[in-house]
Amino acid sequence: MDEDRLHLSPVGHDIVAALAAALAVPGADDTWREPSPPVHPSRTETVATEFRWTIHYLAPWIGRRPRGISDREPKRPELLPARCA
């Protein structure tokens, strides 16, 4: 997962790309086979990343949740039928 723990990470995108290539989805290619650079964060970097995530994402959510409020607008405020491209 990505930093916000909702969206895909680079590895997640590679998995989706591999699946798309296997299913012969138009526009899919084999660039996902190229190796990603290795990531070896130190313990300090890992703790700092967790702390930043807690401050930026978890703490605001905890603050909003009990009050039943949100400072975010819905992406699609009106219910619409699903469209297939």
Protein backbone atom coordinates (compact mmCIF):
# COMPACT_ATOMS: atom_id res chain seq x y z
CA MET A 1 0.00 0.00 0.00
CA ASP A 2 0.93 3.60 -0.43
CA GLU A 3 1.77 6.06 2.34
CA ASP A 4 -1.91 6.72 3.09
CA ARG A 5 -2.50 2.94 3.34
CA LEU A 6 -5.45 3.17 0.97
CA HIS A 7 -3.83 3.36 -2.44
CA LEU A 8 -1.51 0.89 -4.11
CA SER A 9 2.24 1.03 -3.63
CA PRO A 10 4.63 0.59 -6.55
CA VAL A 11 4.60 -3.17 -5.88
CA GLY A 12 0.80 -3.15 -5.87
CA HIS A 13 0.78 -1.35 -9.21
CA ASP A 14 3.19 -3.98 -10.56
CA ILE A 15 0.80 -6.74 -9.50
CA VAL A 16 -2.13 -5.03 -11.22
CA ALA A 17 0.03 -4.47 -14.33
CA ALA A 18 1.04 -8.13 -14.39
CA LEU A 19 -2.60 -9.17 -14.14
CA ALA A 20 -3.56 -6.73 -16.90
CA ALA A 21 -0.79 -8.10 -19.14
CA ALA A 22 -1.87 -11.68 -18.41
CA LEU A 23 -5.45 -10.80 -19.35
CA ALA A 24 -4.24 -8.97 -22.49
CA VAL A 25 -5.91 -5.71 -21.46
CA PRO A 26 -5.45 -3.11 -24.25
CA GLY A 27 -2.55 -0.81 -23.39
CA ALA A 28 -0.94 -3.26 -20.94
CA ASP A 29 2.75 -3.94 -21.44
CA ASP A 30 5.61 -5.80 -19.75
CA THR A 31 7.35 -2.85 -18.08
CA TRP A 32 6.28 -4.26 -14.71
CA ARG A 33 8.92 -6.97 -15.22
CA GLU A 34 11.73 -4.43 -14.83
CA PRO A 35 13.05 -4.66 -11.26
CA SER A 36 12.26 -1.86 -8.86
CA PRO A 37 15.15 -0.36 -6.94
CA PRO A 38 15.69 -2.07 -3.57
CA VAL A 39 14.31 -0.32 -0.51
CA HIS A 40 15.96 -0.96 2.84
CA PRO A 41 14.76 1.66 5.32
CA SER A 42 16.54 1.95 8.64
CA ARG A 43 14.67 1.51 11.90
CA THR A 44 14.78 5.30 12.38
CA GLU A 45 13.25 5.87 8.93
CA THR A 46 10.55 3.28 9.63
CA VAL A 47 9.63 4.88 12.95
CA ALA A 48 9.61 8.34 11.34
CA THR A 49 7.35 7.09 8.54
CA GLU A 50 4.91 5.55 11.03
CA PHE A 51 4.90 8.74 13.09
CA ARG A 52 4.21 10.93 10.03
CA TRP A 53 1.39 8.61 8.94
CA THR A 54 -0.13 8.74 12.43
CA ILE A 55 0.00 12.56 12.53
CA HIS A 56 -1.25 13.12 8.96
CA TYR A 57 -3.88 10.39 8.61
CA LEU A 58 -4.79 8.57 11.82
CA ALA A 59 -4.98 11.45 14.32
CA PRO A 60 -7.27 13.61 12.13
CA TRP A 61 -9.52 10.61 11.46
CA ILE A 62 -9.74 9.84 15.19
CA GLY A 63 -10.56 13.49 15.84
CA ARG A 64 -13.39 13.52 13.29
CA ARG A 65 -14.87 10.10 13.90
CA PRO A 66 -16.44 10.52 17.39
CA ARG A 67 -17.93 13.88 16.42
CA GLY A 68 -19.44 12.46 13.24
CA ILE A 69 -17.99 15.23 11.11
CA SER A 70 -15.79 15.30 8.06
CA ASP A 71 -13.90 18.10 6.41
CA ARG A 72 -13.84 16.19 3.16
CA GLU A 73 -16.30 16.41 0.30
CA PRO A 74 -17.53 13.20 -1.35
CA LYS A 75 -15.85 12.36 -4.63
CA ARG A 76 -19.25 11.67 -6.18
CA PRO A 77 -21.97 13.35 -4.10
CA GLU A 78 -24.81 12.02 -6.27
CA LEU A 79 -25.49 8.33 -6.84
CA LEU A 80 -25.02 7.56 -10.53
CA PRO A 81 -25.20 4.31 -12.49
CA ALA A 82 -21.89 2.55 -13.10
CA ARG A 83 -20.45 2.97 -16.58
CA CYS A 84 -18.20 0.42 -18.24
CA ALA A 85 -15.61 1.89 -20.59
